[in-house]
Amino acid sequence: MGIDVRIIQRAFSPVLMEQDEQIGLWRSAGWELLEASDLAILAACLFEWTGAMHFIQTPVIRQL
């Protein structure tokens, strides 16, 4: 069993996936995490710290 934590863009908001199950949703105030593992929390923190939101959003969504 390997590590499977991903942040993907769905509709208008990124979601945090772990083992193909949605465990977190990004809102304007930050992440809403449900039963997240330590690794998933680390992934969400790194996502915020690096400013990766800019790279996964399309230009149209950034203008909304």
Protein backbone atom coordinates (compact mmCIF):
# COMPACT_ATOMS: atom_id res chain seq x y z
CA MET A 1 0.00 0.00 0.00
CA GLY A 2 1.46 3.33 -1.06
CA ILE A 3 0.89 6.94 -0.24
CA ASP A 4 -2.06 8.40 -2.14
CA VAL A 5 -2.78 12.03 -1.24
CA ARG A 6 -3.75 14.41 -4.04
CA ILE A 7 -5.11 17.92 -4.44
CA ILE A 8 -7.21 18.27 -7.57
CA GLN A 9 -9.38 21.01 -9.05
CA ARG A 10 -13.11 20.23 -9.10
CA ALA A 11 -15.66 22.77 -10.28
CA PHE A 12 -14.67 26.02 -8.58
CA SER A 13 -12.67 24.70 -5.65
CA PRO A 14 -9.73 22.36 -5.06
CA VAL A 15 -10.38 19.20 -3.08
CA LEU A 16 -8.03 17.04 -1.04
CA MET A 17 -8.23 13.34 -1.92
CA GLU A 18 -6.79 10.45 0.08
CA GLN A 19 -7.10 6.86 -1.17
CA ASP A 20 -9.69 8.04 -3.78
CA GLU A 21 -11.92 9.54 -1.07
CA GLN A 22 -12.58 13.28 -0.72
CA ILE A 23 -11.46 14.36 2.74
CA GLY A 24 -11.08 18.10 2.35
CA LEU A 25 -12.44 21.11 0.49
CA TRP A 26 -10.77 24.47 0.05
CA ARG A 27 -12.93 27.51 0.79
CA SER A 28 -12.00 31.20 0.81
CA ALA A 29 -11.21 30.95 4.54
CA GLY A 30 -8.94 27.92 4.04
CA TRP A 31 -9.20 24.14 4.14
CA GLU A 32 -12.11 22.23 5.65
CA LEU A 33 -10.64 18.81 6.49
CA LEU A 34 -12.67 15.76 7.52
CA GLU A 35 -10.83 12.90 9.25
CA ALA A 36 -7.53 13.75 7.55
CA SER A 37 -4.35 11.82 8.21
CA ASP A 38 -1.14 13.58 9.21
CA LEU A 39 0.12 13.23 5.64
CA ALA A 40 -3.03 14.84 4.22
CA ILE A 41 -2.72 17.74 6.66
CA LEU A 42 0.91 18.19 5.61
CA ALA A 43 -0.15 18.23 1.94
CA ALA A 44 -2.76 20.93 2.63
CA CYS A 45 -0.19 23.01 4.55
CA LEU A 46 2.36 22.73 1.75
CA PHE A 47 -0.32 23.65 -0.79
CA GLU A 48 -1.08 26.87 1.11
CA TRP A 49 2.55 27.69 1.90
CA THR A 50 3.75 27.36 -1.71
CA GLY A 51 0.84 29.29 -3.23
CA ALA A 52 -0.02 26.37 -5.50
CA MET A 53 -3.63 27.58 -5.86
CA HIS A 54 -2.40 29.90 -8.60
CA PHE A 55 -1.18 26.97 -10.68
CA ILE A 56 -4.21 24.69 -10.54
CA GLN A 57 -6.88 27.32 -11.19
CA THR A 58 -7.69 28.32 -14.73
CA PRO A 59 -7.44 32.05 -15.59
CA VAL A 60 -11.23 32.29 -15.86
CA ILE A 61 -11.79 31.02 -12.30
CA ARG A 62 -9.15 33.44 -10.97
CA GLN A 63 -11.20 36.36 -12.37
CA LEU A 64 -14.44 35.33 -10.61
